[in-house]
Amino acid sequence: MRVINHSKYIKHVEEISLNIGGNEVDEKAWEKATQHPIVKGWIENGDVEVEQGDLEDITKITPGSKAIAIIETTFSQEKLQKWQETEKRKAVLEAINKQIEYLNQQNDKEE
């Protein structure tokens, strides 16, 4: 299942760690975690959004603005390049390219 952390902070509960942006979470582990009052609060406040599906195919994430928000918080070049091969929406593809360029610039600074 896909859990999107909209806050500015990494969130931890039980055995789950939610990075900022999109996260893939085991459904049974999430079901257990949602019993915790803090997680219920995250969901009610809109800090965390839960959806069926995973993050493997960015083309299935709609609307495009939601896909772009996930892309902007993705730091795996491998995942971004995979999405780049399949994505057809112009704005989403531009966001992928921009994130890849950003990561390349960060890597150049580290060298």
Protein backbone atom coordinates (compact mmCIF):
# COMPACT_ATOMS: atom_id res chain seq x y z
CA MET A 1 0.00 0.00 0.00
CA ARG A 2 1.08 3.57 -0.62
CA VAL A 3 1.36 5.97 2.32
CA ILE A 4 2.22 9.58 1.56
CA ASN A 5 3.77 11.62 4.35
CA HIS A 6 2.84 15.25 3.69
CA SER A 7 4.60 16.62 6.76
CA LYS A 8 8.12 18.06 6.92
CA TYR A 9 9.29 15.26 9.20
CA ILE A 10 10.01 11.56 9.03
CA LYS A 11 7.39 9.74 11.06
CA HIS A 12 7.91 6.53 13.04
CA VAL A 13 5.36 4.19 14.54
CA GLU A 14 5.68 0.52 15.45
CA GLU A 15 7.99 -1.00 12.81
CA ILE A 16 7.10 1.60 10.18
CA SER A 17 9.20 4.58 9.20
CA LEU A 18 7.54 7.08 6.86
CA ASN A 19 9.95 9.24 4.93
CA ILE A 20 8.73 12.56 3.59
CA GLY A 21 6.74 11.89 0.42
CA GLY A 22 5.66 8.50 -0.90
CA ASN A 23 6.29 5.29 1.01
CA GLU A 24 5.43 1.66 0.32
CA VAL A 25 4.14 0.00 3.48
CA ASP A 26 3.13 -3.57 4.25
CA GLU A 27 -0.66 -3.63 4.55
CA LYS A 28 -0.76 -5.75 7.72
CA ALA A 29 1.86 -3.61 9.45
CA TRP A 30 -0.07 -0.46 8.51
CA GLU A 31 -3.35 -1.93 9.74
CA LYS A 32 -1.72 -2.55 13.12
CA ALA A 33 -0.15 0.93 13.18
CA THR A 34 -3.48 2.65 12.47
CA GLN A 35 -4.75 1.46 15.84
CA HIS A 36 -2.35 3.89 17.51
CA PRO A 37 -3.98 7.24 18.41
CA ILE A 38 -1.04 9.21 17.00
CA VAL A 39 -1.43 7.59 13.58
CA LYS A 40 -5.18 8.24 13.67
CA GLY A 41 -4.31 11.89 14.28
CA TRP A 42 -1.89 11.97 11.35
CA ILE A 43 -4.61 10.67 9.06
CA GLU A 44 -7.34 12.98 10.42
CA ASN A 45 -5.04 16.03 10.14
CA GLY A 46 -4.03 15.15 6.58
CA ASP A 47 -0.37 14.69 7.51
CA VAL A 48 -0.54 11.17 6.10
CA GLU A 49 -2.56 9.95 3.13
CA VAL A 50 -3.22 6.26 2.50
CA GLU A 51 -3.90 4.76 -0.94
CA GLN A 52 -4.06 1.34 -2.49
CA GLY A 53 -1.19 0.54 -4.82
CA ASP A 54 2.54 1.00 -4.76
CA LEU A 55 5.11 3.42 -6.13
CA GLU A 56 6.47 1.21 -8.90
CA ASP A 57 4.35 2.71 -11.70
CA ILE A 58 4.13 6.49 -11.43
CA THR A 59 1.72 6.57 -14.40
CA LYS A 60 -0.98 5.07 -12.15
CA ILE A 61 -0.75 7.92 -9.64
CA THR A 62 -3.32 10.59 -10.40
CA PRO A 63 -3.77 13.45 -10.60
CA GLY A 64 -0.46 14.52 -12.07
CA SER A 65 0.08 17.00 -9.24
CA LYS A 66 0.14 14.11 -6.75
CA ALA A 67 2.67 12.23 -8.89
CA ILE A 68 4.81 15.38 -9.06
CA ALA A 69 4.71 15.79 -5.26
CA ILE A 70 5.97 12.22 -4.88
CA ILE A 71 8.68 12.76 -7.50
CA GLU A 72 9.92 15.89 -5.73
CA THR A 73 10.57 13.84 -2.58
CA THR A 74 12.14 10.85 -4.33
CA PHE A 75 15.91 10.51 -4.01
CA SER A 76 16.41 7.19 -5.79
CA GLN A 77 17.91 7.81 -9.22
CA GLU A 78 17.09 4.24 -10.18
CA LYS A 79 13.39 4.73 -9.43
CA LEU A 80 13.31 8.11 -11.18
CA GLN A 81 14.95 6.67 -14.31
CA LYS A 82 12.46 3.80 -14.34
CA TRP A 83 9.58 6.28 -14.13
CA GLN A 84 11.20 8.37 -16.86
CA GLU A 85 10.98 5.42 -19.26
CA THR A 86 7.22 4.94 -18.83
CA GLU A 87 5.77 8.36 -18.04
CA LYS A 88 3.97 10.20 -20.85
CA ARG A 89 2.45 13.21 -19.05
CA LYS A 90 4.52 16.25 -19.97
CA ALA A 91 4.46 18.01 -16.59
CA VAL A 92 5.20 14.80 -14.70
CA LEU A 93 8.06 13.93 -17.05
CA GLU A 94 9.47 17.44 -16.58
CA ALA A 95 9.36 16.93 -12.80
CA ILE A 96 11.22 13.63 -13.14
CA ASN A 97 13.90 15.25 -15.31
CA LYS A 98 14.22 18.16 -12.88
CA GLN A 99 14.63 15.82 -9.89
CA ILE A 100 17.25 13.73 -11.71
CA GLU A 101 19.13 16.92 -12.60
CA TYR A 102 18.95 18.09 -8.97
CA LEU A 103 20.33 14.77 -7.71
CA ASN A 104 23.13 14.88 -10.28
CA GLN A 105 24.07 18.39 -9.12
CA GLN A 106 24.12 17.22 -5.49
CA ASN A 107 26.35 14.29 -6.44
CA ASP A 108 28.72 16.65 -8.27
CA LYS A 109 29.00 18.85 -5.16
CA GLU A 110 29.94 15.84 -3.04
CA GLU A 111 32.79 14.82 -5.36
